[in-house]
N, C-alpha and C. Protein backbone atom coordinates (compact mmCIF):
# COMPACT_ATOMS: atom_id res chain seq x y z
N UNK A 1 14.54 -8.45 -33.88
CA UNK A 1 14.37 -9.37 -32.87
C UNK A 1 14.99 -10.63 -33.02
N UNK A 2 15.81 -11.26 -32.02
CA UNK A 2 16.81 -12.52 -32.30
C UNK A 2 15.71 -13.74 -32.51
N UNK A 3 16.44 -14.91 -33.21
CA UNK A 3 15.62 -16.06 -33.03
C UNK A 3 16.26 -16.79 -31.86
N UNK A 4 15.93 -17.54 -31.59
CA UNK A 4 15.92 -18.60 -30.57
C UNK A 4 17.31 -19.23 -30.42
N UNK A 5 17.71 -19.50 -31.79
CA UNK A 5 19.24 -20.08 -32.28
C UNK A 5 20.03 -18.87 -31.73
N UNK A 6 20.07 -17.84 -32.23
CA UNK A 6 20.63 -16.36 -31.72
C UNK A 6 20.93 -16.55 -30.22
N UNK A 7 19.85 -16.25 -29.82
CA UNK A 7 19.39 -16.36 -28.07
C UNK A 7 20.45 -17.49 -27.57
N UNK A 8 20.01 -18.68 -27.81
CA UNK A 8 21.00 -19.55 -27.33
C UNK A 8 22.37 -19.43 -27.59
N UNK A 9 22.99 -19.33 -28.93
CA UNK A 9 24.23 -19.15 -28.97
C UNK A 9 24.95 -17.93 -27.96
N UNK A 10 24.28 -16.26 -28.08
CA UNK A 10 24.62 -15.67 -27.05
C UNK A 10 24.64 -16.06 -25.77
N UNK A 11 23.60 -16.47 -25.25
CA UNK A 11 23.39 -17.07 -23.74
C UNK A 11 22.43 -16.02 -23.10
N UNK A 12 22.18 -16.19 -21.95
CA UNK A 12 21.39 -15.20 -20.74
C UNK A 12 20.93 -15.84 -19.77
N UNK A 13 19.77 -15.22 -19.36
CA UNK A 13 19.21 -15.97 -17.90
C UNK A 13 17.76 -16.28 -18.55
N UNK A 14 16.89 -16.90 -17.89
CA UNK A 14 15.62 -17.18 -18.37
C UNK A 14 15.02 -18.09 -17.25
N UNK A 15 13.57 -18.02 -17.04
CA UNK A 15 12.67 -18.28 -15.95
C UNK A 15 11.71 -19.38 -16.59
N UNK A 16 11.70 -20.63 -15.81
CA UNK A 16 10.81 -21.41 -16.28
C UNK A 16 9.75 -22.00 -15.23
N UNK A 17 8.64 -21.87 -15.46
CA UNK A 17 7.58 -22.23 -14.38
C UNK A 17 6.90 -23.47 -14.86
N UNK A 18 6.76 -24.50 -14.08
CA UNK A 18 5.93 -25.76 -14.12
C UNK A 18 5.30 -26.28 -12.86
N UNK A 19 4.13 -26.91 -12.74
CA UNK A 19 3.36 -27.46 -11.81
C UNK A 19 3.69 -29.17 -11.74
N UNK A 20 3.80 -29.26 -10.61
CA UNK A 20 4.08 -30.77 -10.18
C UNK A 20 3.44 -31.03 -8.87
N UNK A 21 3.83 -32.33 -7.99
CA UNK A 21 3.34 -32.39 -7.05
C UNK A 21 4.86 -32.82 -6.02
N UNK A 22 4.40 -32.57 -4.72
CA UNK A 22 5.65 -32.85 -3.81
C UNK A 22 4.87 -33.70 -2.60
N UNK A 23 5.94 -34.37 -2.00
CA UNK A 23 5.67 -35.42 -0.82
C UNK A 23 5.16 -36.35 -1.44
N UNK A 24 4.18 -37.31 -1.16
CA UNK A 24 3.59 -38.48 -1.47
C UNK A 24 2.54 -37.93 -2.83
N UNK A 25 2.78 -37.23 -3.33
CA UNK A 25 1.84 -36.85 -4.36
C UNK A 25 0.70 -36.25 -4.31
N UNK A 26 0.51 -35.61 -3.18
CA UNK A 26 -0.90 -35.37 -2.64
C UNK A 26 -0.80 -33.61 -2.76
N UNK A 27 0.49 -32.94 -2.53
CA UNK A 27 0.54 -31.42 -2.78
C UNK A 27 0.71 -30.85 -4.09
N UNK A 28 0.10 -30.55 -4.64
CA UNK A 28 0.27 -29.68 -5.94
C UNK A 28 0.94 -28.53 -5.89
N UNK A 29 2.03 -28.14 -6.27
CA UNK A 29 2.53 -26.90 -6.35
C UNK A 29 3.12 -26.35 -7.45
N UNK A 30 3.46 -25.09 -7.75
CA UNK A 30 3.82 -24.29 -8.94
C UNK A 30 4.94 -23.93 -8.60
N UNK A 31 6.21 -24.26 -9.34
CA UNK A 31 7.78 -24.18 -9.17
C UNK A 31 7.97 -23.12 -10.22
N UNK A 32 8.86 -22.18 -9.63
CA UNK A 32 9.44 -21.31 -10.40
C UNK A 32 11.06 -21.57 -10.79
N UNK A 33 11.76 -21.98 -11.56
CA UNK A 33 13.11 -22.23 -11.75
C UNK A 33 13.87 -21.05 -12.61
N UNK A 34 14.76 -20.43 -12.14
CA UNK A 34 15.51 -19.54 -12.88
C UNK A 34 17.10 -20.09 -13.39
N UNK A 35 17.50 -20.21 -14.33
CA UNK A 35 18.76 -20.66 -14.91
C UNK A 35 19.47 -19.62 -15.90
N UNK A 36 20.75 -19.84 -16.01
CA UNK A 36 21.45 -19.40 -17.27
C UNK A 36 21.66 -20.44 -18.47
N UNK A 37 21.65 -20.18 -19.55
CA UNK A 37 22.09 -20.88 -20.67
C UNK A 37 23.04 -20.17 -21.94
N UNK A 38 23.52 -20.88 -22.53
CA UNK A 38 24.35 -20.62 -23.66
C UNK A 38 24.21 -21.70 -24.64
N UNK A 39 25.26 -21.93 -25.77
CA UNK A 39 25.14 -23.05 -26.78
C UNK A 39 25.48 -24.45 -26.16
N UNK A 40 26.07 -24.41 -24.79
CA UNK A 40 26.17 -25.84 -24.51
C UNK A 40 25.09 -26.49 -23.46
N UNK A 41 24.16 -25.50 -23.09
CA UNK A 41 23.28 -25.74 -22.53
C UNK A 41 22.86 -24.93 -21.11
N UNK A 42 22.15 -25.64 -20.09
CA UNK A 42 21.91 -24.89 -18.92
C UNK A 42 22.66 -25.08 -17.90
N UNK A 43 22.70 -24.04 -16.87
CA UNK A 43 23.44 -24.10 -15.67
C UNK A 43 23.02 -23.15 -14.43
N UNK A 44 23.87 -23.35 -13.84
CA UNK A 44 23.36 -22.26 -12.50
C UNK A 44 21.85 -22.04 -12.17
N UNK A 45 21.13 -23.42 -12.45
CA UNK A 45 19.74 -23.48 -12.33
C UNK A 45 19.31 -23.29 -10.64
N UNK A 46 18.56 -22.63 -10.53
CA UNK A 46 17.86 -22.14 -9.04
C UNK A 46 16.22 -22.17 -9.09
N UNK A 47 15.85 -23.05 -8.12
CA UNK A 47 14.55 -22.99 -7.77
C UNK A 47 14.40 -21.31 -6.98
N UNK A 48 13.43 -20.80 -7.77
CA UNK A 48 13.20 -19.28 -7.21
C UNK A 48 11.95 -19.28 -6.02
N UNK A 49 10.84 -19.85 -6.57
CA UNK A 49 9.88 -20.07 -5.84
C UNK A 49 9.14 -21.48 -5.69
N UNK A 50 8.41 -21.84 -4.60
CA UNK A 50 7.51 -22.90 -4.77
C UNK A 50 6.08 -22.40 -4.21
N UNK A 51 5.20 -22.44 -4.83
CA UNK A 51 3.95 -22.11 -4.21
C UNK A 51 2.65 -23.19 -4.45
N UNK A 52 1.93 -23.04 -3.64
CA UNK A 52 0.54 -23.74 -3.56
C UNK A 52 -0.44 -23.12 -4.84
N UNK A 53 -1.61 -23.54 -4.91
CA UNK A 53 -2.49 -22.95 -5.83
C UNK A 53 -3.21 -21.77 -5.42
N UNK A 54 -2.98 -21.69 -3.96
CA UNK A 54 -3.65 -20.42 -3.38
C UNK A 54 -2.69 -19.38 -3.10
N UNK A 55 -1.51 -19.77 -3.51
CA UNK A 55 -0.75 -18.65 -3.67
C UNK A 55 0.36 -18.66 -2.08
N UNK A 56 0.22 -19.67 -1.55
CA UNK A 56 1.25 -19.74 -0.12
C UNK A 56 2.49 -20.11 -0.78
N UNK A 57 3.76 -19.39 -0.09
CA UNK A 57 5.17 -19.74 -0.64
C UNK A 57 5.37 -20.67 0.48
N UNK A 58 6.11 -21.90 -0.23
CA UNK A 58 6.39 -23.14 0.61
C UNK A 58 7.68 -23.25 0.57
N UNK A 59 8.79 -22.69 -0.16
CA UNK A 59 9.90 -23.07 -0.19
C UNK A 59 10.76 -23.38 0.97
N UNK A 60 10.23 -22.21 1.70
CA UNK A 60 10.89 -22.56 3.41
C UNK A 60 10.89 -23.57 4.22
N UNK A 61 10.05 -24.28 3.84
CA UNK A 61 9.33 -25.61 4.43
C UNK A 61 9.72 -26.84 3.82
N UNK A 62 10.56 -26.56 2.90
CA UNK A 62 11.15 -27.89 1.96
C UNK A 62 12.58 -28.08 2.26
N UNK A 63 12.68 -29.63 2.30
CA UNK A 63 14.19 -29.98 2.44
C UNK A 63 15.42 -29.76 1.26
N UNK A 64 16.50 -29.69 1.56
CA UNK A 64 17.31 -29.34 0.26
C UNK A 64 17.09 -30.42 -0.69
N UNK A 65 16.87 -31.65 -0.24
CA UNK A 65 16.66 -32.89 -1.19
C UNK A 65 15.25 -32.47 -2.14
N UNK A 66 14.19 -32.02 -1.49
CA UNK A 66 13.12 -31.57 -2.33
C UNK A 66 13.39 -30.87 -3.15
N UNK A 67 13.91 -29.76 -2.72
CA UNK A 67 14.41 -28.70 -3.87
C UNK A 67 15.30 -29.10 -4.83
N UNK A 68 16.26 -29.88 -4.63
CA UNK A 68 17.25 -30.35 -5.68
C UNK A 68 16.32 -31.65 -6.76
N UNK A 69 15.59 -32.04 -5.98
CA UNK A 69 14.59 -32.95 -7.09
C UNK A 69 13.76 -32.36 -7.87
N UNK A 70 13.45 -31.02 -7.40
CA UNK A 70 12.25 -30.33 -8.30
C UNK A 70 13.21 -29.82 -9.16
N UNK A 71 14.44 -29.25 -8.83
CA UNK A 71 15.63 -28.56 -9.84
C UNK A 71 15.79 -29.70 -10.88
N UNK A 72 15.92 -30.86 -10.33
CA UNK A 72 16.27 -31.88 -11.59
C UNK A 72 15.24 -32.13 -12.54
N UNK A 73 13.89 -31.98 -11.65
CA UNK A 73 12.63 -32.17 -12.72
C UNK A 73 12.39 -30.94 -13.67
N UNK A 74 12.61 -29.80 -13.07
CA UNK A 74 12.32 -28.84 -14.13
C UNK A 74 13.38 -28.79 -15.33
N UNK A 75 14.71 -29.14 -14.86
CA UNK A 75 16.15 -29.38 -16.11
C UNK A 75 15.55 -30.29 -16.95
N UNK A 76 15.15 -31.54 -16.72
CA UNK A 76 14.38 -32.37 -17.48
C UNK A 76 13.40 -32.06 -18.43
N UNK A 77 12.41 -31.25 -17.89
CA UNK A 77 11.40 -30.83 -18.59
C UNK A 77 11.79 -29.79 -19.82
N UNK A 78 12.88 -28.95 -19.37
CA UNK A 78 13.45 -28.21 -20.52
C UNK A 78 14.16 -28.87 -21.32
N UNK A 79 14.75 -29.79 -21.24
CA UNK A 79 15.37 -30.62 -22.17
C UNK A 79 14.34 -31.42 -23.26
N UNK A 80 13.39 -31.70 -22.53
CA UNK A 80 12.38 -32.48 -23.09
C UNK A 80 11.69 -31.75 -24.49
N UNK A 81 11.52 -30.09 -23.71
CA UNK A 81 10.74 -28.91 -24.65
C UNK A 81 11.76 -28.63 -25.53
N UNK A 82 13.04 -28.62 -25.50
CA UNK A 82 14.18 -28.37 -26.67
C UNK A 82 13.89 -29.77 -27.57
N UNK A 83 14.08 -30.80 -27.18
CA UNK A 83 13.98 -32.00 -28.32
C UNK A 83 12.74 -31.88 -28.81
N UNK A 84 11.75 -31.41 -28.53
CA UNK A 84 10.64 -31.15 -29.46
C UNK A 84 10.52 -30.12 -30.25
N UNK A 85 11.46 -29.13 -30.55
CA UNK A 85 11.83 -27.83 -31.32
C UNK A 85 12.76 -28.17 -32.15
């Protein structure tokens, strides 16, 4: 089994799922972001799905700006998690 450092050096793809709110903060959503990574960091990040707590898929109803904001939030969260380790 590879260590996390070895995986980071080799690179690959990964999935990150997180909870946040959209709009004026009233709609809680679960966001799934897919990204690629290597030793220099993450790239090609894409929001795969956005759904509410009931499981309804909402990504088709969101603006590009909202999707970009969610992607930025996900990247920021991943960076913070890496700093903790």
